[in-house]
Every structure is written in structure tokens, then in C-alpha cells.
C-alpha atoms as a PDB file:
ATOM      1  CA  UNK A   1      90.111 -90.525  13.373  1.00  0.00           C
ATOM      2  CA  UNK A   2      92.014 -90.276  16.683  1.00  0.00           C
ATOM      3  CA  UNK A   3      90.160 -90.248  19.922  1.00  0.00           C
ATOM      4  CA  UNK A   4      91.160 -88.093  22.881  1.00  0.00           C
ATOM      5  CA  UNK A   5      92.791 -90.952  24.764  1.00  0.00           C
ATOM      6  CA  UNK A   6      95.192 -91.801  21.902  1.00  0.00           C
ATOM      7  CA  UNK A   7      96.154 -88.114  21.466  1.00  0.00           C
ATOM      8  CA  UNK A   8      96.749 -87.870  25.182  1.00  0.00           C
ATOM      9  CA  UNK A   9      99.003 -90.996  25.109  1.00  0.00           C
ATOM     10  CA  UNK A  10     100.954 -89.588  22.158  1.00  0.00           C
ATOM     11  CA  UNK A  11     101.503 -86.249  23.958  1.00  0.00           C
ATOM     12  CA  UNK A  12     102.606 -88.041  27.104  1.00  0.00           C
ATOM     13  CA  UNK A  13     104.972 -90.276  25.075  1.00  0.00           C
ATOM     14  CA  UNK A  14     106.441 -87.209  23.314  1.00  0.00           C
ATOM     15  CA  UNK A  15     107.004 -85.447  26.679  1.00  0.00           C
ATOM     16  CA  UNK A  16     108.692 -88.574  28.090  1.00  0.00           C
ATOM     17  CA  UNK A  17     110.948 -88.888  25.010  1.00  0.00           C
ATOM     18  CA  UNK A  18     111.885 -85.196  25.147  1.00  0.00           C
ATOM     19  CA  UNK A  19     112.589 -85.435  28.920  1.00  0.00           C
ATOM     20  CA  UNK A  20     114.717 -88.528  28.257  1.00  0.00           C
ATOM     21  CA  UNK A  21     116.687 -86.768  25.525  1.00  0.00           C
ATOM     22  CA  UNK A  22     117.231 -83.740  27.811  1.00  0.00           C
ATOM     23  CA  UNK A  23     118.378 -85.979  30.619  1.00  0.00           C
ATOM     24  CA  UNK A  24     120.822 -87.886  28.329  1.00  0.00           C
ATOM     25  CA  UNK A  25     122.204 -84.592  26.899  1.00  0.00           C
ATOM     26  CA  UNK A  26     122.708 -83.285  30.435  1.00  0.00           C
ATOM     27  CA  UNK A  27     124.501 -86.470  31.478  1.00  0.00           C
ATOM     28  CA  UNK A  28     126.710 -86.422  28.380  1.00  0.00           C
ATOM     29  CA  UNK A  29     127.723 -82.822  29.074  1.00  0.00           C
ATOM     30  CA  UNK A  30     128.549 -83.670  32.739  1.00  0.00           C
ATOM     31  CA  UNK A  31     130.661 -86.655  31.690  1.00  0.00           C
ATOM     32  CA  UNK A  32     132.554 -84.629  29.077  1.00  0.00           C
ATOM     33  CA  UNK A  33     133.232 -81.801  31.578  1.00  0.00           C
ATOM     34  CA  UNK A  34     134.851 -84.317  33.900  1.00  0.00           C
ATOM     35  CA  UNK A  35     136.840 -86.037  31.091  1.00  0.00           C
ATOM     36  CA  UNK A  36     138.049 -82.940  29.256  1.00  0.00           C
ATOM     37  CA  UNK A  37     140.572 -81.786  31.924  1.00  0.00           C
ATOM     38  CA  UNK A  38     141.891 -85.415  32.121  1.00  0.00           C
ATOM     39  CA  UNK A  39     142.283 -85.607  28.352  1.00  0.00           C
ATOM     40  CA  UNK A  40     144.003 -82.208  28.172  1.00  0.00           C
ATOM     41  CA  UNK A  41     146.407 -83.235  30.951  1.00  0.00           C
ATOM     42  CA  UNK A  42     147.179 -86.526  29.168  1.00  0.00           C
ATOM     43  CA  UNK A  43     147.843 -84.665  25.873  1.00  0.00           C
ATOM     44  CA  UNK A  44     150.154 -82.259  27.750  1.00  0.00           C
ATOM     45  CA  UNK A  45     152.079 -85.132  29.289  1.00  0.00           C
ATOM     46  CA  UNK A  46     152.431 -86.852  25.905  1.00  0.00           C
ATOM     47  CA  UNK A  47     153.679 -83.609  24.334  1.00  0.00           C
ATOM     48  CA  UNK A  48     156.197 -83.134  27.138  1.00  0.00           C
ATOM     49  CA  UNK A  49     157.425 -86.720  26.806  1.00  0.00           C
ATOM     50  CA  UNK A  50     157.871 -86.246  23.054  1.00  0.00           C
ATOM     51  CA  UNK A  51     159.775 -82.988  23.603  1.00  0.00           C
ATOM     52  CA  UNK A  52     162.006 -84.672  26.170  1.00  0.00           C
ATOM     53  CA  UNK A  53     162.705 -87.531  23.728  1.00  0.00           C
ATOM     54  CA  UNK A  54     163.504 -85.056  20.938  1.00  0.00           C
ATOM     55  CA  UNK A  55     165.976 -83.229  23.190  1.00  0.00           C
ATOM     56  CA  UNK A  56     167.441 -86.563  24.334  1.00  0.00           C
ATOM     57  CA  UNK A  57     167.953 -87.659  20.691  1.00  0.00           C
ATOM     58  CA  UNK A  58     169.849 -84.433  20.089  1.00  0.00           C
ATOM     59  CA  UNK A  59     172.149 -85.059  23.074  1.00  0.00           C
ATOM     60  CA  UNK A  60     172.652 -88.620  21.896  1.00  0.00           C
ATOM     61  CA  UNK A  61     173.543 -87.520  18.340  1.00  0.00           C
ATOM     62  CA  UNK A  62     175.892 -84.831  19.654  1.00  0.00           C
ATOM     63  CA  UNK A  63     177.650 -87.226  22.021  1.00  0.00           C
ATOM     64  CA  UNK A  64     178.029 -89.904  19.275  1.00  0.00           C
ATOM     65  CA  UNK A  65     179.609 -87.328  16.948  1.00  0.00           C
ATOM     66  CA  UNK A  66     182.051 -86.448  19.784  1.00  0.00           C
ATOM     67  CA  UNK A  67     182.761 -90.083  20.449  1.00  0.00           C
ATOM     68  CA  UNK A  68     183.434 -90.733  16.749  1.00  0.00           C
ATOM     69  CA  UNK A  69     185.690 -87.686  16.564  1.00  0.00           C
ATOM     70  CA  UNK A  70     183.497 -86.017  13.975  1.00  0.00           C
ATOM     71  CA  UNK A  71     184.052 -82.351  14.735  1.00  0.00           C
ATOM     72  CA  UNK A  72     181.964 -81.055  11.830  1.00  0.00           C
ATOM     73  CA  UNK A  73     178.946 -83.127  12.839  1.00  0.00           C
ATOM     74  CA  UNK A  74     179.351 -82.225  16.548  1.00  0.00           C
ATOM     75  CA  UNK A  75     179.553 -78.507  15.700  1.00  0.00           C
ATOM     76  CA  UNK A  76     176.184 -78.730  13.856  1.00  0.00           C
ATOM     77  CA  UNK A  77     174.488 -79.385  17.138  1.00  0.00           C
ATOM     78  CA  UNK A  78     175.918 -76.359  18.961  1.00  0.00           C
ATOM     79  CA  UNK A  79     174.228 -73.011  19.516  1.00  0.00           C
ATOM     80  CA  UNK A  80     176.336 -69.862  19.447  1.00  0.00           C
ATOM     81  CA  UNK A  81     176.623 -69.995  23.229  1.00  0.00           C
ATOM     82  CA  UNK A  82     177.931 -73.566  23.272  1.00  0.00           C
ATOM     83  CA  UNK A  83     180.247 -72.806  20.358  1.00  0.00           C
ATOM     84  CA  UNK A  84     181.622 -69.929  22.418  1.00  0.00           C
ATOM     85  CA  UNK A  85     182.180 -72.267  25.343  1.00  0.00           C
ATOM     86  CA  UNK A  86     184.066 -74.603  23.026  1.00  0.00           C
ATOM     87  CA  UNK A  87     186.178 -71.728  21.648  1.00  0.00           C
ATOM     88  CA  UNK A  88     187.020 -70.743  25.216  1.00  0.00           C
ATOM     89  CA  UNK A  89     188.023 -74.388  25.839  1.00  0.00           C
ATOM     90  CA  UNK A  90     185.515 -74.844  28.625  1.00  0.00           C
ATOM     91  CA  UNK A  91     185.065 -78.400  27.313  1.00  0.00           C
ATOM     92  CA  UNK A  92     186.851 -80.554  24.774  1.00  0.00           C
ATOM     93  CA  UNK A  93     184.623 -81.108  21.786  1.00  0.00           C
ATOM     94  CA  UNK A  94     186.336 -84.209  20.331  1.00  0.00           C
ATOM     95  CA  UNK A  95     189.122 -86.599  21.200  1.00  0.00           C
ATOM     96  CA  UNK A  96     188.210 -87.160  24.793  1.00  0.00           C
ATOM     97  CA  UNK A  97     184.975 -89.222  24.726  1.00  0.00           C
ATOM     98  CA  UNK A  98     185.423 -92.990  24.701  1.00  0.00           C
ATOM     99  CA  UNK A  99     181.925 -93.831  25.937  1.00  0.00           C
ATOM    100  CA  UNK A 100     178.915 -92.030  27.322  1.00  0.00           C
ATOM    101  CA  UNK A 101     175.606 -92.682  29.052  1.00  0.00           C
ATOM    102  CA  UNK A 102     172.753 -90.249  29.475  1.00  0.00           C
ATOM    103  CA  UNK A 103     171.788 -90.643  33.121  1.00  0.00           C
ATOM    104  CA  UNK A 104     169.148 -88.046  34.011  1.00  0.00           C
ATOM    105  CA  UNK A 105     167.109 -85.280  32.478  1.00  0.00           C
ATOM    106  CA  UNK A 106     165.068 -82.403  33.785  1.00  0.00           C
ATOM    107  CA  UNK A 107     162.961 -79.816  32.141  1.00  0.00           C
ATOM    108  CA  UNK A 108     164.229 -76.342  32.969  1.00  0.00           C
ATOM    109  CA  UNK A 109     161.492 -74.468  31.112  1.00  0.00           C
ATOM    110  CA  UNK A 110     159.386 -74.933  28.053  1.00  0.00           C
ATOM    111  CA  UNK A 111     161.616 -76.196  25.196  1.00  0.00           C
ATOM    112  CA  UNK A 112     164.728 -76.418  27.423  1.00  0.00           C
ATOM    113  CA  UNK A 113     166.154 -79.490  29.118  1.00  0.00           C
ATOM    114  CA  UNK A 114     169.255 -80.333  31.152  1.00  0.00           C
ATOM    115  CA  UNK A 115     170.852 -83.733  30.805  1.00  0.00           C
ATOM    116  CA  UNK A 116     173.426 -85.403  33.055  1.00  0.00           C
ATOM    117  CA  UNK A 117     175.797 -87.426  30.865  1.00  0.00           C
ATOM    118  CA  UNK A 118     178.324 -89.795  32.319  1.00  0.00           C
ATOM    119  CA  UNK A 119     181.456 -89.798  30.112  1.00  0.00           C
ATOM    120  CA  UNK A 120     184.399 -92.157  30.131  1.00  0.00           C
ATOM    121  CA  UNK A 121     187.377 -90.233  28.822  1.00  0.00           C
ATOM    122  CA  UNK A 122     189.895 -91.627  26.427  1.00  0.00           C
ATOM    123  CA  UNK A 123     192.214 -92.114  29.454  1.00  0.00           C
ATOM    124  CA  UNK A 124     189.489 -94.234  31.061  1.00  0.00           C
ATOM    125  CA  UNK A 125     188.468 -91.737  33.751  1.00  0.00           C
ATOM    126  CA  UNK A 126     184.824 -91.042  34.526  1.00  0.00           C
ATOM    127  CA  UNK A 127     183.497 -87.542  34.162  1.00  0.00           C
ATOM    128  CA  UNK A 128     180.044 -85.976  34.509  1.00  0.00           C
ATOM    129  CA  UNK A 129     178.892 -83.391  31.985  1.00  0.00           C
ATOM    130  CA  UNK A 130     175.765 -81.263  32.187  1.00  0.00           C
ATOM    131  CA  UNK A 131     174.319 -80.510  28.752  1.00  0.00           C
ATOM    132  CA  UNK A 132     171.451 -78.117  28.154  1.00  0.00           C
ATOM    133  CA  UNK A 133     169.352 -78.623  25.030  1.00  0.00           C
ATOM    134  CA  UNK A 134     167.155 -75.809  23.740  1.00  0.00           C
ATOM    135  CA  UNK A 135     164.553 -75.897  20.968  1.00  0.00           C
ATOM    136  CA  UNK A 136     165.131 -73.378  18.186  1.00  0.00           C
ATOM    137  CA  UNK A 137     162.782 -73.461  15.186  1.00  0.00           C
ATOM    138  CA  UNK A 138     161.470 -76.996  15.756  1.00  0.00           C
ATOM    139  CA  UNK A 139     164.894 -78.504  16.392  1.00  0.00           C
ATOM    140  CA  UNK A 140     166.833 -79.056  19.586  1.00  0.00           C
ATOM    141  CA  UNK A 141     170.467 -77.862  19.831  1.00  0.00           C
ATOM    142  CA  UNK A 142     173.118 -78.060  22.555  1.00  0.00           C
ATOM    143  CA  UNK A 143     173.135 -74.679  24.266  1.00  0.00           C
ATOM    144  CA  UNK A 144     175.572 -75.398  27.075  1.00  0.00           C
ATOM    145  CA  UNK A 145     178.185 -77.998  28.059  1.00  0.00           C
ATOM    146  CA  UNK A 146     179.508 -77.864  31.611  1.00  0.00           C
ATOM    147  CA  UNK A 147     181.899 -80.215  33.298  1.00  0.00           C
ATOM    148  CA  UNK A 148     180.446 -81.064  36.717  1.00  0.00           C
ATOM    149  CA  UNK A 149     182.663 -80.664  39.726  1.00  0.00           C
END
């Protein structure tokens, strides 16, 4: 039914197709090996940006509670360490924040950020506060409030 020439052509075509598939698989693997580190880095950067934003939202909520004079709400954002600082009167929790602006942030370590917050006091004087936010059980809390200067 088939002559030797047609069988030879089929074998050659099969070898060419197999070689093409091997070449394409090799190229795909090489492309993925180059892309994978880039994708992993991009995902890490997105995660870090999301963590920074979560910590920033905590600082914003804490400062708004202070600005509104809501001591109960402000206390909810404090860790034991920051509550101790408040008890020792290292900063005034409420009654002294007329306005605020979060100016800078830096990551200190994984799940810990420091924010520089410019505060205008109720007397109208500017003050710089350094707030550290730490993640505890999927939520950021204020772990430290320091008056700069």
C-alpha cells in the first residue's frame, strides 16, 4: 500500500515535527526561567506596597482619632508598648492635634514601618512625631510614638 519513498517522507516529517516540538519546549523553558525572577520581584514589590499602605492607613486612623479627641478609638490602635509610653506621658494622646500630615515612611523590617508625621498642635505650633507601626495578627498597630527633637 505504501511505497518506501512515502514511508521515508513520513519518518522524516515525524522527526522534523519532534525536533520542532523539542526546540519550542526548550525556548519556552528558557523564556520562563528569565521571566520568573522578574515576576517574583514584581509580586514582592506589590506585597510590600500593600503592607506599607495598610500600615499608613493605621497611622491615618490613629491620628484622626487623636485629632477628633476620641481617646477610646485612639487607644484601640496602640500596642502595650505605645500604651506604656502614653501612660508615662511621653506624648499627649488627645487634645493637642489640630491637623496632621504623613510625610515619609520607611520599612524598618518585615511588618514594621516608621512614619514621620507633621502635626500642628492646638496652639498652632508645628511638631514632628515619629510613629512606628507593627503588624500583629494581620493588623497593624501603633507600637511607638516619639516626639522628634
